[in-house]
Amino acid sequence: MLGIVERLDVFYDGLALAGKYACDDFHDEKLGLRRWGERYGYIGSYVRQENGSNQYRFYQRRPTDGLTFVRTAINPRKSGYTHSQLKRFSSSDGEYWICAFTEAKFQRFREMSWLMKDIRRMINRHKKQFYKTNDEQKLEIFPGR
């Protein structure tokens, strides 16, 4: 049986997986732009866990003079990506709206991830406090130990 901390970890990993599905949907929708005669665009998205944190990000991929591409990160603001940021990097209105919808999903995942990490920190802080007080009580009950 999983304890509360392990369940939080599973839920936290599930948020990263849900973000990955949203990222896959983003790329599938961008492929659908071609059916409507619009350009594919330069914005991409990715989801990863780095140092225990879920990251939901966008990047820009621009062609160089040859056949290679340069990938640069689009840095989010504190509250996430703004509509003006996404509009500036988008090559069409279709790409912009796909990015905006994906960012709305990413923002919900970010907020839930922050909440899960805060709950985990609170539990760990209370655990340390609990064990600290129990150790002090043991010392008072058994003064020779």
C-alpha atoms as a PDB file:
ATOM      1  CA  MET A   1       0.000   0.000   0.000  1.00  0.00           C
ATOM      2  CA  LEU A   2       1.351   3.384  -0.946  1.00  0.00           C
ATOM      3  CA  GLY A   3       1.736   6.097   1.635  1.00  0.00           C
ATOM      4  CA  ILE A   4       0.636   9.672   1.095  1.00  0.00           C
ATOM      5  CA  VAL A   5       4.084  10.820  -0.082  1.00  0.00           C
ATOM      6  CA  GLU A   6       4.338   8.028  -2.646  1.00  0.00           C
ATOM      7  CA  ARG A   7       0.837   8.822  -3.895  1.00  0.00           C
ATOM      8  CA  LEU A   8       1.803  12.464  -4.298  1.00  0.00           C
ATOM      9  CA  ASP A   9       4.856  11.388  -6.294  1.00  0.00           C
ATOM     10  CA  VAL A  10       2.692   9.229  -8.572  1.00  0.00           C
ATOM     11  CA  PHE A  11       0.264  12.126  -9.075  1.00  0.00           C
ATOM     12  CA  TYR A  12       3.182  14.496  -9.759  1.00  0.00           C
ATOM     13  CA  ASP A  13       4.578  12.118 -12.386  1.00  0.00           C
ATOM     14  CA  GLY A  14       1.076  11.815 -13.825  1.00  0.00           C
ATOM     15  CA  LEU A  15       1.010  15.594 -14.304  1.00  0.00           C
ATOM     16  CA  ALA A  16       4.185  15.335 -16.380  1.00  0.00           C
ATOM     17  CA  LEU A  17       2.593  12.561 -18.437  1.00  0.00           C
ATOM     18  CA  ALA A  18      -0.584  14.608 -18.961  1.00  0.00           C
ATOM     19  CA  GLY A  19       1.614  17.511 -20.059  1.00  0.00           C
ATOM     20  CA  LYS A  20       3.335  15.209 -22.521  1.00  0.00           C
ATOM     21  CA  TYR A  21      -0.048  14.251 -23.991  1.00  0.00           C
ATOM     22  CA  ALA A  22      -0.906  17.958 -24.312  1.00  0.00           C
ATOM     23  CA  CYS A  23       2.452  18.473 -26.031  1.00  0.00           C
ATOM     24  CA  ASP A  24       1.700  15.624 -28.442  1.00  0.00           C
ATOM     25  CA  ASP A  25      -1.707  17.143 -29.169  1.00  0.00           C
ATOM     26  CA  PHE A  26       0.019  20.465 -29.849  1.00  0.00           C
ATOM     27  CA  HIS A  27       2.271  18.908 -32.488  1.00  0.00           C
ATOM     28  CA  ASP A  28      -0.620  16.941 -34.025  1.00  0.00           C
ATOM     29  CA  GLU A  29      -2.670  20.134 -34.324  1.00  0.00           C
ATOM     30  CA  LYS A  30       0.282  21.908 -35.909  1.00  0.00           C
ATOM     31  CA  LEU A  31       0.484  19.154 -38.522  1.00  0.00           C
ATOM     32  CA  GLY A  32      -3.211  19.801 -39.167  1.00  0.00           C
ATOM     33  CA  LEU A  33      -2.401  23.408 -40.111  1.00  0.00           C
ATOM     34  CA  ARG A  34      -1.049  22.181 -43.427  1.00  0.00           C
ATOM     35  CA  ARG A  35      -4.477  20.807 -44.320  1.00  0.00           C
ATOM     36  CA  TRP A  36      -5.839  24.322 -44.011  1.00  0.00           C
ATOM     37  CA  GLY A  37      -3.093  25.750 -46.190  1.00  0.00           C
ATOM     38  CA  GLU A  38      -1.218  27.514 -43.384  1.00  0.00           C
ATOM     39  CA  ARG A  39       2.478  27.301 -42.625  1.00  0.00           C
ATOM     40  CA  TYR A  40       3.689  24.841 -40.023  1.00  0.00           C
ATOM     41  CA  GLY A  41       5.473  27.578 -38.089  1.00  0.00           C
ATOM     42  CA  TYR A  42       8.508  27.726 -35.865  1.00  0.00           C
ATOM     43  CA  ILE A  43       7.176  27.185 -32.340  1.00  0.00           C
ATOM     44  CA  GLY A  44       7.546  23.822 -30.655  1.00  0.00           C
ATOM     45  CA  SER A  45       6.755  22.577 -27.172  1.00  0.00           C
ATOM     46  CA  TYR A  46       8.238  20.082 -24.774  1.00  0.00           C
ATOM     47  CA  VAL A  47       7.643  18.672 -21.312  1.00  0.00           C
ATOM     48  CA  ARG A  48      10.330  17.243 -19.075  1.00  0.00           C
ATOM     49  CA  GLN A  49      11.248  16.607 -15.477  1.00  0.00           C
ATOM     50  CA  GLU A  50      14.475  18.284 -14.499  1.00  0.00           C
ATOM     51  CA  ASN A  51      15.892  18.219 -10.963  1.00  0.00           C
ATOM     52  CA  GLY A  52      12.533  17.022  -9.650  1.00  0.00           C
ATOM     53  CA  SER A  53      10.525  19.798 -11.309  1.00  0.00           C
ATOM     54  CA  ASN A  54       8.039  19.458 -14.130  1.00  0.00           C
ATOM     55  CA  GLN A  55       8.765  21.886 -16.955  1.00  0.00           C
ATOM     56  CA  TYR A  56       6.203  22.796 -19.595  1.00  0.00           C
ATOM     57  CA  ARG A  57       7.936  24.952 -22.186  1.00  0.00           C
ATOM     58  CA  PHE A  58       7.869  26.376 -25.701  1.00  0.00           C
ATOM     59  CA  TYR A  59      10.833  26.899 -28.003  1.00  0.00           C
ATOM     60  CA  GLN A  60      11.487  28.497 -31.357  1.00  0.00           C
ATOM     61  CA  ARG A  61      13.121  26.594 -34.197  1.00  0.00           C
ATOM     62  CA  ARG A  62      14.471  28.776 -37.017  1.00  0.00           C
ATOM     63  CA  PRO A  63      16.309  27.602 -40.140  1.00  0.00           C
ATOM     64  CA  THR A  64      19.852  28.785 -40.738  1.00  0.00           C
ATOM     65  CA  ASP A  65      21.374  29.422 -44.144  1.00  0.00           C
ATOM     66  CA  GLY A  66      21.987  25.702 -44.588  1.00  0.00           C
ATOM     67  CA  LEU A  67      19.798  22.706 -43.841  1.00  0.00           C
ATOM     68  CA  THR A  68      20.194  23.005 -40.074  1.00  0.00           C
ATOM     69  CA  PHE A  69      17.912  24.605 -37.527  1.00  0.00           C
ATOM     70  CA  VAL A  70      18.716  26.731 -34.496  1.00  0.00           C
ATOM     71  CA  ARG A  71      16.602  25.983 -31.454  1.00  0.00           C
ATOM     72  CA  THR A  72      16.193  28.792 -28.916  1.00  0.00           C
ATOM     73  CA  ALA A  73      14.108  28.777 -25.755  1.00  0.00           C
ATOM     74  CA  ILE A  74      11.203  31.153 -25.336  1.00  0.00           C
ATOM     75  CA  ASN A  75      11.515  32.171 -21.715  1.00  0.00           C
ATOM     76  CA  PRO A  76       8.238  32.347 -19.800  1.00  0.00           C
ATOM     77  CA  ARG A  77       7.262  35.131 -17.457  1.00  0.00           C
ATOM     78  CA  LYS A  78       6.603  34.360 -13.807  1.00  0.00           C
ATOM     79  CA  SER A  79       2.944  33.633 -14.531  1.00  0.00           C
ATOM     80  CA  GLY A  80       3.679  31.643 -17.713  1.00  0.00           C
ATOM     81  CA  TYR A  81       3.733  32.655 -21.344  1.00  0.00           C
ATOM     82  CA  THR A  82       1.853  35.796 -22.324  1.00  0.00           C
ATOM     83  CA  HIS A  83      -0.333  36.080 -25.401  1.00  0.00           C
ATOM     84  CA  SER A  84       1.906  38.806 -26.828  1.00  0.00           C
ATOM     85  CA  GLN A  85       4.940  36.500 -26.508  1.00  0.00           C
ATOM     86  CA  LEU A  86       3.197  33.681 -28.323  1.00  0.00           C
ATOM     87  CA  LYS A  87       1.858  36.076 -30.971  1.00  0.00           C
ATOM     88  CA  ARG A  88       5.331  37.502 -31.627  1.00  0.00           C
ATOM     89  CA  PHE A  89       6.922  34.100 -32.243  1.00  0.00           C
ATOM     90  CA  SER A  90       3.993  32.584 -34.201  1.00  0.00           C
ATOM     91  CA  SER A  91       4.093  32.498 -37.969  1.00  0.00           C
ATOM     92  CA  SER A  92       0.292  32.484 -38.389  1.00  0.00           C
ATOM     93  CA  ASP A  93      -2.918  33.013 -36.450  1.00  0.00           C
ATOM     94  CA  GLY A  94      -3.556  29.280 -36.476  1.00  0.00           C
ATOM     95  CA  GLU A  95      -0.242  28.563 -34.814  1.00  0.00           C
ATOM     96  CA  TYR A  96      -0.888  31.325 -32.284  1.00  0.00           C
ATOM     97  CA  TRP A  97      -4.245  29.866 -31.243  1.00  0.00           C
ATOM     98  CA  ILE A  98      -2.820  26.369 -30.936  1.00  0.00           C
ATOM     99  CA  CYS A  99      -0.055  27.781 -28.718  1.00  0.00           C
ATOM    100  CA  ALA A 100      -2.575  29.744 -26.637  1.00  0.00           C
ATOM    101  CA  PHE A 101      -4.746  26.675 -26.008  1.00  0.00           C
ATOM    102  CA  THR A 102      -1.712  24.564 -25.151  1.00  0.00           C
ATOM    103  CA  GLU A 103      -0.413  27.260 -22.804  1.00  0.00           C
ATOM    104  CA  ALA A 104      -3.766  27.265 -20.991  1.00  0.00           C
ATOM    105  CA  LYS A 105      -3.336  23.521 -20.401  1.00  0.00           C
ATOM    106  CA  PHE A 106       0.313  23.964 -19.423  1.00  0.00           C
ATOM    107  CA  GLN A 107      -0.627  26.691 -16.938  1.00  0.00           C
ATOM    108  CA  ARG A 108      -3.074  24.372 -15.172  1.00  0.00           C
ATOM    109  CA  PHE A 109      -0.424  21.646 -15.034  1.00  0.00           C
ATOM    110  CA  ARG A 110       2.131  24.136 -13.650  1.00  0.00           C
ATOM    111  CA  GLU A 111      -0.244  25.265 -10.910  1.00  0.00           C
ATOM    112  CA  MET A 112      -1.071  21.681  -9.921  1.00  0.00           C
ATOM    113  CA  SER A 113       2.639  20.808  -9.945  1.00  0.00           C
ATOM    114  CA  TRP A 114       3.427  23.766  -7.676  1.00  0.00           C
ATOM    115  CA  LEU A 115       0.627  22.700  -5.338  1.00  0.00           C
ATOM    116  CA  MET A 116       1.893  19.104  -5.220  1.00  0.00           C
ATOM    117  CA  LYS A 117       5.435  20.283  -4.451  1.00  0.00           C
ATOM    118  CA  ASP A 118       4.149  22.608  -1.697  1.00  0.00           C
ATOM    119  CA  ILE A 119       2.134  19.790  -0.120  1.00  0.00           C
ATOM    120  CA  ARG A 120       5.173  17.518  -0.304  1.00  0.00           C
ATOM    121  CA  ARG A 121       7.346  20.159   1.394  1.00  0.00           C
ATOM    122  CA  MET A 122       4.754  20.637   4.147  1.00  0.00           C
ATOM    123  CA  ILE A 123       4.591  16.898   4.798  1.00  0.00           C
ATOM    124  CA  ASN A 124       8.384  16.620   4.930  1.00  0.00           C
ATOM    125  CA  ARG A 125       8.610  19.623   7.259  1.00  0.00           C
ATOM    126  CA  HIS A 126       6.023  18.099   9.607  1.00  0.00           C
ATOM    127  CA  LYS A 127       7.751  14.724   9.461  1.00  0.00           C
ATOM    128  CA  LYS A 128      11.026  16.286  10.554  1.00  0.00           C
ATOM    129  CA  GLN A 129       9.241  18.168  13.327  1.00  0.00           C
ATOM    130  CA  PHE A 130       7.446  14.984  14.438  1.00  0.00           C
ATOM    131  CA  TYR A 131      10.620  12.905  14.609  1.00  0.00           C
ATOM    132  CA  LYS A 132      12.467  15.729  16.330  1.00  0.00           C
ATOM    133  CA  THR A 133       9.846  15.996  19.089  1.00  0.00           C
ATOM    134  CA  ASN A 134       9.685  12.190  19.458  1.00  0.00           C
ATOM    135  CA  ASP A 135      13.474  12.012  19.870  1.00  0.00           C
ATOM    136  CA  GLU A 136      13.318  14.739  22.537  1.00  0.00           C
ATOM    137  CA  GLN A 137      10.542  12.845  24.351  1.00  0.00           C
ATOM    138  CA  LYS A 138      12.593   9.634  24.293  1.00  0.00           C
ATOM    139  CA  LEU A 139      15.506  11.472  25.839  1.00  0.00           C
ATOM    140  CA  GLU A 140      13.253  12.792  28.612  1.00  0.00           C
ATOM    141  CA  ILE A 141      11.701   9.381  29.300  1.00  0.00           C
ATOM    142  CA  PHE A 142      15.001   7.517  29.277  1.00  0.00           C
ATOM    143  CA  PRO A 143      17.558  10.022  30.568  1.00  0.00           C
ATOM    144  CA  GLY A 144      20.395   7.474  30.535  1.00  0.00           C
ATOM    145  CA  ARG A 145      20.123   6.805  26.816  1.00  0.00           C
END
